[in-house]
């Protein structure tokens, strides 16, 4: 059995959300299981090795905040459902920190392979994976890692879903999903501004040697913004999803996250913490230089200047 455009075939281990709210690996689903969309599973069939010759990996947050909630592997032919409008190519992003919907028009679907950008959505060349094709009683959707994927019924896709053909709308969607420029961030240690190595999803700095009695207190300064299209008047800076100090993870609920940090937020297995544009981070004392890495989301691009 070989999947075709619009089919739903997922690799083993992909967690599918059920109507109960529980998640189950696709290979463990059985006929009669009810998905979160209300569709009932008719069958789950293992595909021959090599039936899906390549794959596409979507990094966590590649589509929008929390979608995918974790890295997700799909067939290049797998449609993805989008729930927000497509902006003209080059137009500013109009999402919000909590909008939870990928860019696109209501009911638009696009194949994962057409969205590859080589960074957050990239083609995989890996050993063949075990894939499973899912059939349901009617055209519907399933949710995997926070991403909505269409399920064809006997007559094809649901009538309200519109596959995007090559053209301006698809290119506008690709532009929206391109990795953003890194945020403008200053890292201060007292009155000293520390040099930063900046990428779209991480910031790295070497902390100078201190002393064993005094904590290292850093100040993270970034241009504040507000969510577009909402009544939320809070100011947001950057959203941090992980902190490493000399390779060791610092928990996001560590008491060192001080003034200027909002509480930890979570969706499925992903956590993050927003700053308000001027936040203090206290690290344990050390007499030796240390490497600091801040892993960031791209959600600062969904803000308008405060």
C-alpha atoms as a PDB file:
ATOM      1  CA  UNK A   1       0.000   0.000   0.000  1.00  0.00           C
ATOM      2  CA  UNK A   2       1.387   3.413  -0.991  1.00  0.00           C
ATOM      3  CA  UNK A   3       0.012   6.747   0.281  1.00  0.00           C
ATOM      4  CA  UNK A   4      -1.117   9.425  -2.185  1.00  0.00           C
ATOM      5  CA  UNK A   5      -1.660  13.164  -1.819  1.00  0.00           C
ATOM      6  CA  UNK A   6      -4.350  13.788   0.765  1.00  0.00           C
ATOM      7  CA  UNK A   7      -3.950  10.428   2.490  1.00  0.00           C
ATOM      8  CA  UNK A   8      -3.129  10.157   6.175  1.00  0.00           C
ATOM      9  CA  UNK A   9      -0.131   7.979   6.846  1.00  0.00           C
ATOM     10  CA  UNK A  10       1.963   8.620   9.946  1.00  0.00           C
ATOM     11  CA  UNK A  11       5.144   7.030  11.289  1.00  0.00           C
ATOM     12  CA  UNK A  12       5.023   4.663  14.236  1.00  0.00           C
ATOM     13  CA  UNK A  13       5.097   6.467  17.548  1.00  0.00           C
ATOM     14  CA  UNK A  14       3.078   9.481  16.372  1.00  0.00           C
ATOM     15  CA  UNK A  15       0.641  10.356  19.144  1.00  0.00           C
ATOM     16  CA  UNK A  16      -2.954  10.849  17.995  1.00  0.00           C
ATOM     17  CA  UNK A  17      -5.479  12.636  20.210  1.00  0.00           C
ATOM     18  CA  UNK A  18      -8.673  10.766  21.078  1.00  0.00           C
ATOM     19  CA  UNK A  19     -12.108  12.099  22.006  1.00  0.00           C
ATOM     20  CA  UNK A  20     -11.311  11.255  25.626  1.00  0.00           C
ATOM     21  CA  UNK A  21      -8.392  13.696  25.544  1.00  0.00           C
ATOM     22  CA  UNK A  22      -5.853  10.888  25.820  1.00  0.00           C
ATOM     23  CA  UNK A  23      -3.142  10.441  23.201  1.00  0.00           C
ATOM     24  CA  UNK A  24      -2.240   7.073  21.682  1.00  0.00           C
ATOM     25  CA  UNK A  25       0.483   5.988  19.231  1.00  0.00           C
ATOM     26  CA  UNK A  26      -1.049   5.482  15.808  1.00  0.00           C
ATOM     27  CA  UNK A  27       0.071   1.851  15.637  1.00  0.00           C
ATOM     28  CA  UNK A  28      -1.913   1.078  18.805  1.00  0.00           C
ATOM     29  CA  UNK A  29      -5.214   2.466  17.510  1.00  0.00           C
ATOM     30  CA  UNK A  30      -7.910  -0.113  16.847  1.00  0.00           C
ATOM     31  CA  UNK A  31     -11.130  -0.125  14.860  1.00  0.00           C
ATOM     32  CA  UNK A  32     -13.843   1.656  16.831  1.00  0.00           C
ATOM     33  CA  UNK A  33     -11.535   4.209  18.453  1.00  0.00           C
ATOM     34  CA  UNK A  34     -13.051   7.713  18.415  1.00  0.00           C
ATOM     35  CA  UNK A  35     -10.748  10.602  17.496  1.00  0.00           C
ATOM     36  CA  UNK A  36     -10.986  14.098  18.955  1.00  0.00           C
ATOM     37  CA  UNK A  37     -12.845  15.217  15.809  1.00  0.00           C
ATOM     38  CA  UNK A  38     -15.554  12.577  16.415  1.00  0.00           C
ATOM     39  CA  UNK A  39     -14.463  10.394  13.516  1.00  0.00           C
ATOM     40  CA  UNK A  40     -14.421   6.656  14.189  1.00  0.00           C
ATOM     41  CA  UNK A  41     -11.417   4.571  13.160  1.00  0.00           C
ATOM     42  CA  UNK A  42     -12.283   1.892  10.604  1.00  0.00           C
ATOM     43  CA  UNK A  43      -8.791   0.445  10.174  1.00  0.00           C
ATOM     44  CA  UNK A  44      -5.095   1.038  10.783  1.00  0.00           C
ATOM     45  CA  UNK A  45      -2.848  -0.612   8.183  1.00  0.00           C
ATOM     46  CA  UNK A  46       0.915  -0.985   8.263  1.00  0.00           C
ATOM     47  CA  UNK A  47       2.577   0.118   5.022  1.00  0.00           C
ATOM     48  CA  UNK A  48       5.403  -1.721   3.325  1.00  0.00           C
ATOM     49  CA  UNK A  49       8.869  -0.497   4.237  1.00  0.00           C
ATOM     50  CA  UNK A  50       9.865   2.049   1.590  1.00  0.00           C
ATOM     51  CA  UNK A  51       6.252   2.923   0.716  1.00  0.00           C
ATOM     52  CA  UNK A  52       7.040   6.421   2.004  1.00  0.00           C
ATOM     53  CA  UNK A  53      10.536   6.997   0.590  1.00  0.00           C
ATOM     54  CA  UNK A  54      11.274  10.260   2.383  1.00  0.00           C
ATOM     55  CA  UNK A  55       9.860  12.394   5.153  1.00  0.00           C
ATOM     56  CA  UNK A  56       9.546  15.971   6.404  1.00  0.00           C
ATOM     57  CA  UNK A  57      10.383  17.028   9.951  1.00  0.00           C
ATOM     58  CA  UNK A  58       8.525  19.951  11.511  1.00  0.00           C
ATOM     59  CA  UNK A  59      10.355  21.392  14.505  1.00  0.00           C
ATOM     60  CA  UNK A  60       8.340  22.280  17.589  1.00  0.00           C
ATOM     61  CA  UNK A  61       6.607  25.612  16.976  1.00  0.00           C
ATOM     62  CA  UNK A  62       7.367  25.602  13.222  1.00  0.00           C
ATOM     63  CA  UNK A  63       3.751  26.475  12.333  1.00  0.00           C
ATOM     64  CA  UNK A  64       2.770  28.633  15.287  1.00  0.00           C
ATOM     65  CA  UNK A  65       3.088  28.733  19.056  1.00  0.00           C
ATOM     66  CA  UNK A  66       2.702  25.163  20.296  1.00  0.00           C
ATOM     67  CA  UNK A  67       2.160  23.675  16.835  1.00  0.00           C
ATOM     68  CA  UNK A  68       3.696  21.260  16.581  1.00  0.00           C
ATOM     69  CA  UNK A  69       3.944  20.836  20.325  1.00  0.00           C
ATOM     70  CA  UNK A  70       6.980  18.614  19.707  1.00  0.00           C
ATOM     71  CA  UNK A  71       8.967  17.653  16.613  1.00  0.00           C
ATOM     72  CA  UNK A  72       6.614  15.965  14.150  1.00  0.00           C
ATOM     73  CA  UNK A  73       7.544  13.761  11.184  1.00  0.00           C
ATOM     74  CA  UNK A  74       5.150  13.614   8.227  1.00  0.00           C
ATOM     75  CA  UNK A  75       5.084  12.332   4.686  1.00  0.00           C
ATOM     76  CA  UNK A  76       5.853  15.128   2.179  1.00  0.00           C
ATOM     77  CA  UNK A  77       2.391  14.412   0.708  1.00  0.00           C
ATOM     78  CA  UNK A  78       0.602  14.754   4.039  1.00  0.00           C
ATOM     79  CA  UNK A  79      -1.868  17.654   4.049  1.00  0.00           C
ATOM     80  CA  UNK A  80      -1.832  20.062   7.004  1.00  0.00           C
ATOM     81  CA  UNK A  81      -4.948  22.059   7.935  1.00  0.00           C
ATOM     82  CA  UNK A  82      -4.485  25.783   8.496  1.00  0.00           C
ATOM     83  CA  UNK A  83      -6.917  27.923  10.426  1.00  0.00           C
ATOM     84  CA  UNK A  84      -5.924  31.582  10.036  1.00  0.00           C
ATOM     85  CA  UNK A  85      -5.815  33.783   6.944  1.00  0.00           C
ATOM     86  CA  UNK A  86      -2.949  33.883   4.464  1.00  0.00           C
ATOM     87  CA  UNK A  87      -1.270  37.284   4.490  1.00  0.00           C
ATOM     88  CA  UNK A  88       0.222  38.734   1.294  1.00  0.00           C
ATOM     89  CA  UNK A  89       3.844  37.703   0.840  1.00  0.00           C
ATOM     90  CA  UNK A  90       6.089  40.019   2.832  1.00  0.00           C
ATOM     91  CA  UNK A  91       3.268  41.362   4.985  1.00  0.00           C
ATOM     92  CA  UNK A  92       3.873  41.517   8.741  1.00  0.00           C
ATOM     93  CA  UNK A  93       2.722  38.583  10.812  1.00  0.00           C
ATOM     94  CA  UNK A  94      -0.565  39.231  12.635  1.00  0.00           C
ATOM     95  CA  UNK A  95      -0.580  36.379  15.115  1.00  0.00           C
ATOM     96  CA  UNK A  96      -0.676  36.697  18.872  1.00  0.00           C
ATOM     97  CA  UNK A  97       1.224  34.885  21.625  1.00  0.00           C
ATOM     98  CA  UNK A  98      -1.797  32.715  22.359  1.00  0.00           C
ATOM     99  CA  UNK A  99      -3.548  32.489  18.974  1.00  0.00           C
ATOM    100  CA  UNK A 100      -2.694  28.769  18.683  1.00  0.00           C
ATOM    101  CA  UNK A 101      -3.533  28.603  14.960  1.00  0.00           C
ATOM    102  CA  UNK A 102      -1.093  28.254  12.058  1.00  0.00           C
ATOM    103  CA  UNK A 103      -1.120  30.821   9.278  1.00  0.00           C
ATOM    104  CA  UNK A 104      -3.557  30.091   6.441  1.00  0.00           C
ATOM    105  CA  UNK A 105      -7.189  30.632   5.469  1.00  0.00           C
ATOM    106  CA  UNK A 106      -9.968  28.700   7.234  1.00  0.00           C
ATOM    107  CA  UNK A 107     -10.041  25.284   5.635  1.00  0.00           C
ATOM    108  CA  UNK A 108      -6.841  25.706   3.620  1.00  0.00           C
ATOM    109  CA  UNK A 109      -4.688  22.592   3.436  1.00  0.00           C
ATOM    110  CA  UNK A 110      -1.135  22.366   2.135  1.00  0.00           C
ATOM    111  CA  UNK A 111       1.242  19.420   1.781  1.00  0.00           C
ATOM    112  CA  UNK A 112       4.079  19.305   4.293  1.00  0.00           C
ATOM    113  CA  UNK A 113       6.688  18.918   1.564  1.00  0.00           C
ATOM    114  CA  UNK A 114       5.681  22.213  -0.069  1.00  0.00           C
ATOM    115  CA  UNK A 115       6.399  24.097   3.168  1.00  0.00           C
ATOM    116  CA  UNK A 116       9.998  22.950   3.656  1.00  0.00           C
ATOM    117  CA  UNK A 117      12.383  25.826   4.412  1.00  0.00           C
ATOM    118  CA  UNK A 118      15.483  23.820   5.327  1.00  0.00           C
ATOM    119  CA  UNK A 119      15.508  25.016   8.949  1.00  0.00           C
ATOM    120  CA  UNK A 120      12.296  24.582  10.923  1.00  0.00           C
ATOM    121  CA  UNK A 121      10.615  22.433   8.249  1.00  0.00           C
ATOM    122  CA  UNK A 122      13.119  20.215   6.498  1.00  0.00           C
ATOM    123  CA  UNK A 123      13.377  17.128   4.383  1.00  0.00           C
ATOM    124  CA  UNK A 124      14.752  14.073   6.147  1.00  0.00           C
ATOM    125  CA  UNK A 125      17.048  11.512   4.627  1.00  0.00           C
ATOM    126  CA  UNK A 126      16.822   8.734   7.162  1.00  0.00           C
ATOM    127  CA  UNK A 127      16.522   4.989   7.255  1.00  0.00           C
ATOM    128  CA  UNK A 128      13.025   3.816   6.212  1.00  0.00           C
ATOM    129  CA  UNK A 129      10.421   4.350   8.916  1.00  0.00           C
ATOM    130  CA  UNK A 130       7.439   2.188   9.841  1.00  0.00           C
ATOM    131  CA  UNK A 131       4.331   3.994   8.566  1.00  0.00           C
ATOM    132  CA  UNK A 132       0.662   3.367   9.335  1.00  0.00           C
ATOM    133  CA  UNK A 133      -2.294   4.443   7.197  1.00  0.00           C
ATOM    134  CA  UNK A 134      -5.470   5.431   9.002  1.00  0.00           C
ATOM    135  CA  UNK A 135      -8.991   5.020   7.586  1.00  0.00           C
ATOM    136  CA  UNK A 136     -12.084   6.527   9.247  1.00  0.00           C
ATOM    137  CA  UNK A 137     -15.833   6.392   8.776  1.00  0.00           C
ATOM    138  CA  UNK A 138     -16.159   9.904   7.371  1.00  0.00           C
ATOM    139  CA  UNK A 139     -14.064  12.830   6.181  1.00  0.00           C
ATOM    140  CA  UNK A 140     -12.684  14.583   9.232  1.00  0.00           C
ATOM    141  CA  UNK A 141      -9.394  15.525  10.912  1.00  0.00           C
ATOM    142  CA  UNK A 142      -7.031  14.183  13.523  1.00  0.00           C
ATOM    143  CA  UNK A 143      -4.715  16.040  15.876  1.00  0.00           C
ATOM    144  CA  UNK A 144      -1.064  15.023  16.194  1.00  0.00           C
ATOM    145  CA  UNK A 145       1.309  17.134  18.317  1.00  0.00           C
ATOM    146  CA  UNK A 146      -1.188  19.997  18.197  1.00  0.00           C
ATOM    147  CA  UNK A 147      -1.343  19.961  14.374  1.00  0.00           C
ATOM    148  CA  UNK A 148      -4.612  19.275  12.540  1.00  0.00           C
ATOM    149  CA  UNK A 149      -4.301  16.759   9.714  1.00  0.00           C
ATOM    150  CA  UNK A 150      -7.180  15.961   7.334  1.00  0.00           C
ATOM    151  CA  UNK A 151      -8.625  12.469   7.176  1.00  0.00           C
ATOM    152  CA  UNK A 152     -10.231  11.620   3.836  1.00  0.00           C
ATOM    153  CA  UNK A 153     -13.539   9.796   3.936  1.00  0.00           C
ATOM    154  CA  UNK A 154     -14.940   7.499   1.255  1.00  0.00           C
ATOM    155  CA  UNK A 155     -15.610  10.554  -0.959  1.00  0.00           C
ATOM    156  CA  UNK A 156     -12.323  12.345  -0.266  1.00  0.00           C
ATOM    157  CA  UNK A 157     -11.537  15.359   1.899  1.00  0.00           C
ATOM    158  CA  UNK A 158     -14.225  17.221   3.821  1.00  0.00           C
ATOM    159  CA  UNK A 159     -16.029  19.709   1.598  1.00  0.00           C
ATOM    160  CA  UNK A 160     -14.842  22.769   3.547  1.00  0.00           C
ATOM    161  CA  UNK A 161     -11.145  21.929   3.042  1.00  0.00           C
ATOM    162  CA  UNK A 162      -9.400  23.669   0.143  1.00  0.00           C
ATOM    163  CA  UNK A 163      -6.048  22.281  -1.064  1.00  0.00           C
ATOM    164  CA  UNK A 164      -3.661  25.115  -1.909  1.00  0.00           C
ATOM    165  CA  UNK A 165      -2.170  24.767  -5.388  1.00  0.00           C
ATOM    166  CA  UNK A 166       1.182  26.254  -6.342  1.00  0.00           C
ATOM    167  CA  UNK A 167       0.712  29.998  -6.619  1.00  0.00           C
ATOM    168  CA  UNK A 168       0.522  33.240  -4.590  1.00  0.00           C
ATOM    169  CA  UNK A 169      -1.493  31.828  -1.671  1.00  0.00           C
ATOM    170  CA  UNK A 170       0.944  28.967  -1.110  1.00  0.00           C
ATOM    171  CA  UNK A 171       3.929  31.295  -1.464  1.00  0.00           C
ATOM    172  CA  UNK A 172       2.374  33.684   1.074  1.00  0.00           C
ATOM    173  CA  UNK A 173       1.982  30.783   3.477  1.00  0.00           C
ATOM    174  CA  UNK A 174       5.599  29.705   2.935  1.00  0.00           C
ATOM    175  CA  UNK A 175       6.730  33.273   3.621  1.00  0.00           C
ATOM    176  CA  UNK A 176       4.795  33.320   6.884  1.00  0.00           C
ATOM    177  CA  UNK A 177       6.457  30.101   7.989  1.00  0.00           C
ATOM    178  CA  UNK A 178      10.038  31.120   7.177  1.00  0.00           C
ATOM    179  CA  UNK A 179      12.250  31.312  10.287  1.00  0.00           C
ATOM    180  CA  UNK A 180      12.193  34.862  11.603  1.00  0.00           C
ATOM    181  CA  UNK A 181      15.105  37.137  12.215  1.00  0.00           C
ATOM    182  CA  UNK A 182      16.500  36.788  15.722  1.00  0.00           C
ATOM    183  CA  UNK A 183      15.199  39.217  18.322  1.00  0.00           C
ATOM    184  CA  UNK A 184      17.036  42.368  19.240  1.00  0.00           C
ATOM    185  CA  UNK A 185      18.301  41.477  22.709  1.00  0.00           C
ATOM    186  CA  UNK A 186      20.829  42.982  25.081  1.00  0.00           C
ATOM    187  CA  UNK A 187      22.268  40.850  27.864  1.00  0.00           C
ATOM    188  CA  UNK A 188      23.562  42.966  30.729  1.00  0.00           C
ATOM    189  CA  UNK A 189      25.699  41.961  33.707  1.00  0.00           C
ATOM    190  CA  UNK A 190      25.542  45.029  35.880  1.00  0.00           C
ATOM    191  CA  UNK A 191      26.651  47.859  33.575  1.00  0.00           C
ATOM    192  CA  UNK A 192      28.534  45.471  31.237  1.00  0.00           C
ATOM    193  CA  UNK A 193      26.833  44.371  28.014  1.00  0.00           C
ATOM    194  CA  UNK A 194      27.865  40.810  27.189  1.00  0.00           C
ATOM    195  CA  UNK A 195      28.617  39.783  23.586  1.00  0.00           C
ATOM    196  CA  UNK A 196      26.002  37.438  22.100  1.00  0.00           C
ATOM    197  CA  UNK A 197      26.123  34.811  19.383  1.00  0.00           C
ATOM    198  CA  UNK A 198      22.664  35.106  17.850  1.00  0.00           C
ATOM    199  CA  UNK A 199      20.645  32.631  15.773  1.00  0.00           C
ATOM    200  CA  UNK A 200      16.925  32.546  15.001  1.00  0.00           C
ATOM    201  CA  UNK A 201      16.211  30.090  17.811  1.00  0.00           C
ATOM    202  CA  UNK A 202      19.005  30.541  20.352  1.00  0.00           C
ATOM    203  CA  UNK A 203      21.317  33.047  21.975  1.00  0.00           C
ATOM    204  CA  UNK A 204      24.723  32.108  23.360  1.00  0.00           C
ATOM    205  CA  UNK A 205      26.991  34.068  25.701  1.00  0.00           C
ATOM    206  CA  UNK A 206      30.089  33.461  27.807  1.00  0.00           C
ATOM    207  CA  UNK A 207      29.625  34.644  31.365  1.00  0.00           C
ATOM    208  CA  UNK A 208      32.800  36.026  32.905  1.00  0.00           C
ATOM    209  CA  UNK A 209      34.277  34.556  36.052  1.00  0.00           C
ATOM    210  CA  UNK A 210      32.673  35.881  39.218  1.00  0.00           C
ATOM    211  CA  UNK A 211      33.146  34.833  42.812  1.00  0.00           C
ATOM    212  CA  UNK A 212      31.789  31.951  44.828  1.00  0.00           C
ATOM    213  CA  UNK A 213      29.780  34.167  47.156  1.00  0.00           C
ATOM    214  CA  UNK A 214      27.741  36.313  44.782  1.00  0.00           C
ATOM    215  CA  UNK A 215      25.059  35.162  42.365  1.00  0.00           C
ATOM    216  CA  UNK A 216      25.339  36.204  38.729  1.00  0.00           C
ATOM    217  CA  UNK A 217      22.416  38.518  37.994  1.00  0.00           C
ATOM    218  CA  UNK A 218      21.674  39.125  34.326  1.00  0.00           C
ATOM    219  CA  UNK A 219      19.261  41.571  32.747  1.00  0.00           C
ATOM    220  CA  UNK A 220      17.552  40.570  29.463  1.00  0.00           C
ATOM    221  CA  UNK A 221      16.420  43.657  27.545  1.00  0.00           C
ATOM    222  CA  UNK A 222      14.414  43.409  24.319  1.00  0.00           C
ATOM    223  CA  UNK A 223      11.946  45.690  22.530  1.00  0.00           C
ATOM    224  CA  UNK A 224       8.534  45.133  24.159  1.00  0.00           C
ATOM    225  CA  UNK A 225       5.429  44.456  22.115  1.00  0.00           C
ATOM    226  CA  UNK A 226       1.778  43.501  22.416  1.00  0.00           C
ATOM    227  CA  UNK A 227      -0.316  40.828  20.714  1.00  0.00           C
ATOM    228  CA  UNK A 228      -2.082  42.030  17.589  1.00  0.00           C
ATOM    229  CA  UNK A 229      -5.846  41.844  17.513  1.00  0.00           C
ATOM    230  CA  UNK A 230      -6.388  41.162  21.212  1.00  0.00           C
ATOM    231  CA  UNK A 231      -7.361  43.171  24.264  1.00  0.00           C
ATOM    232  CA  UNK A 232      -4.302  41.929  26.164  1.00  0.00           C
ATOM    233  CA  UNK A 233      -2.432  45.067  27.261  1.00  0.00           C
ATOM    234  CA  UNK A 234       0.541  43.265  28.764  1.00  0.00           C
ATOM    235  CA  UNK A 235       3.978  43.911  27.274  1.00  0.00           C
ATOM    236  CA  UNK A 236       5.927  40.947  25.930  1.00  0.00           C
ATOM    237  CA  UNK A 237       9.582  40.637  25.014  1.00  0.00           C
ATOM    238  CA  UNK A 238      10.838  37.176  24.104  1.00  0.00           C
ATOM    239  CA  UNK A 239       9.580  33.679  24.936  1.00  0.00           C
ATOM    240  CA  UNK A 240      12.233  31.338  26.323  1.00  0.00           C
ATOM    241  CA  UNK A 241      11.686  27.595  26.064  1.00  0.00           C
ATOM    242  CA  UNK A 242      14.931  26.401  27.682  1.00  0.00           C
ATOM    243  CA  UNK A 243      18.040  27.701  29.441  1.00  0.00           C
ATOM    244  CA  UNK A 244      21.360  25.869  29.617  1.00  0.00           C
ATOM    245  CA  UNK A 245      24.288  26.767  31.843  1.00  0.00           C
ATOM    246  CA  UNK A 246      27.458  24.872  30.904  1.00  0.00           C
ATOM    247  CA  UNK A 247      25.233  22.316  29.194  1.00  0.00           C
ATOM    248  CA  UNK A 248      23.004  21.720  32.236  1.00  0.00           C
ATOM    249  CA  UNK A 249      19.326  22.629  31.916  1.00  0.00           C
ATOM    250  CA  UNK A 250      17.871  25.266  34.223  1.00  0.00           C
ATOM    251  CA  UNK A 251      14.223  24.562  35.054  1.00  0.00           C
ATOM    252  CA  UNK A 252      11.862  27.274  33.816  1.00  0.00           C
ATOM    253  CA  UNK A 253      10.290  27.464  37.275  1.00  0.00           C
ATOM    254  CA  UNK A 254      13.677  27.998  38.937  1.00  0.00           C
ATOM    255  CA  UNK A 255      13.528  30.834  41.496  1.00  0.00           C
ATOM    256  CA  UNK A 256      16.315  32.563  39.561  1.00  0.00           C
ATOM    257  CA  UNK A 257      13.697  33.764  37.064  1.00  0.00           C
ATOM    258  CA  UNK A 258      12.934  37.094  38.682  1.00  0.00           C
ATOM    259  CA  UNK A 259      11.209  40.384  37.941  1.00  0.00           C
ATOM    260  CA  UNK A 260      10.135  40.753  34.343  1.00  0.00           C
ATOM    261  CA  UNK A 261       9.297  37.088  33.721  1.00  0.00           C
ATOM    262  CA  UNK A 262       5.713  35.937  33.329  1.00  0.00           C
ATOM    263  CA  UNK A 263       4.715  32.551  34.831  1.00  0.00           C
ATOM    264  CA  UNK A 264       5.576  29.329  33.036  1.00  0.00           C
ATOM    265  CA  UNK A 265       3.084  28.346  30.315  1.00  0.00           C
ATOM    266  CA  UNK A 266       2.596  24.836  28.962  1.00  0.00           C
ATOM    267  CA  UNK A 267       0.909  23.094  26.062  1.00  0.00           C
ATOM    268  CA  UNK A 268       1.140  19.324  25.926  1.00  0.00           C
ATOM    269  CA  UNK A 269       4.824  18.543  26.591  1.00  0.00           C
ATOM    270  CA  UNK A 270       6.170  21.992  25.665  1.00  0.00           C
ATOM    271  CA  UNK A 271       6.860  24.769  28.199  1.00  0.00           C
ATOM    272  CA  UNK A 272       7.956  28.365  27.775  1.00  0.00           C
ATOM    273  CA  UNK A 273       8.250  31.597  29.701  1.00  0.00           C
ATOM    274  CA  UNK A 274       7.726  35.134  28.364  1.00  0.00           C
ATOM    275  CA  UNK A 275       9.646  38.207  29.464  1.00  0.00           C
ATOM    276  CA  UNK A 276       8.088  41.665  29.529  1.00  0.00           C
ATOM    277  CA  UNK A 277      11.077  43.127  27.681  1.00  0.00           C
ATOM    278  CA  UNK A 278      13.172  43.783  30.796  1.00  0.00           C
ATOM    279  CA  UNK A 279      13.729  40.682  32.920  1.00  0.00           C
ATOM    280  CA  UNK A 280      16.219  39.580  35.567  1.00  0.00           C
ATOM    281  CA  UNK A 281      17.795  36.121  35.634  1.00  0.00           C
ATOM    282  CA  UNK A 282      19.858  35.130  38.688  1.00  0.00           C
ATOM    283  CA  UNK A 283      22.309  32.262  38.246  1.00  0.00           C
ATOM    284  CA  UNK A 284      24.313  30.378  40.869  1.00  0.00           C
ATOM    285  CA  UNK A 285      27.612  31.905  41.943  1.00  0.00           C
ATOM    286  CA  UNK A 286      30.788  30.684  40.253  1.00  0.00           C
ATOM    287  CA  UNK A 287      34.442  31.679  40.208  1.00  0.00           C
ATOM    288  CA  UNK A 288      34.810  30.324  36.650  1.00  0.00           C
ATOM    289  CA  UNK A 289      33.606  31.466  33.215  1.00  0.00           C
ATOM    290  CA  UNK A 290      30.457  29.682  32.033  1.00  0.00           C
ATOM    291  CA  UNK A 291      28.554  29.177  28.794  1.00  0.00           C
ATOM    292  CA  UNK A 292      24.936  30.348  28.750  1.00  0.00           C
ATOM    293  CA  UNK A 293      22.458  29.296  26.045  1.00  0.00           C
ATOM    294  CA  UNK A 294      18.918  30.657  25.782  1.00  0.00           C
ATOM    295  CA  UNK A 295      16.620  28.612  23.525  1.00  0.00           C
ATOM    296  CA  UNK A 296      13.946  30.871  22.077  1.00  0.00           C
ATOM    297  CA  UNK A 297      10.677  30.620  20.204  1.00  0.00           C
ATOM    298  CA  UNK A 298       9.868  32.788  17.182  1.00  0.00           C
ATOM    299  CA  UNK A 299       6.789  34.264  18.837  1.00  0.00           C
ATOM    300  CA  UNK A 300       8.265  37.756  19.273  1.00  0.00           C
ATOM    301  CA  UNK A 301       7.481  38.199  15.552  1.00  0.00           C
ATOM    302  CA  UNK A 302       3.750  38.011  16.382  1.00  0.00           C
ATOM    303  CA  UNK A 303       3.945  41.240  18.363  1.00  0.00           C
ATOM    304  CA  UNK A 304       3.399  44.854  17.418  1.00  0.00           C
ATOM    305  CA  UNK A 305       5.409  47.619  19.136  1.00  0.00           C
ATOM    306  CA  UNK A 306       4.045  48.510  22.552  1.00  0.00           C
END
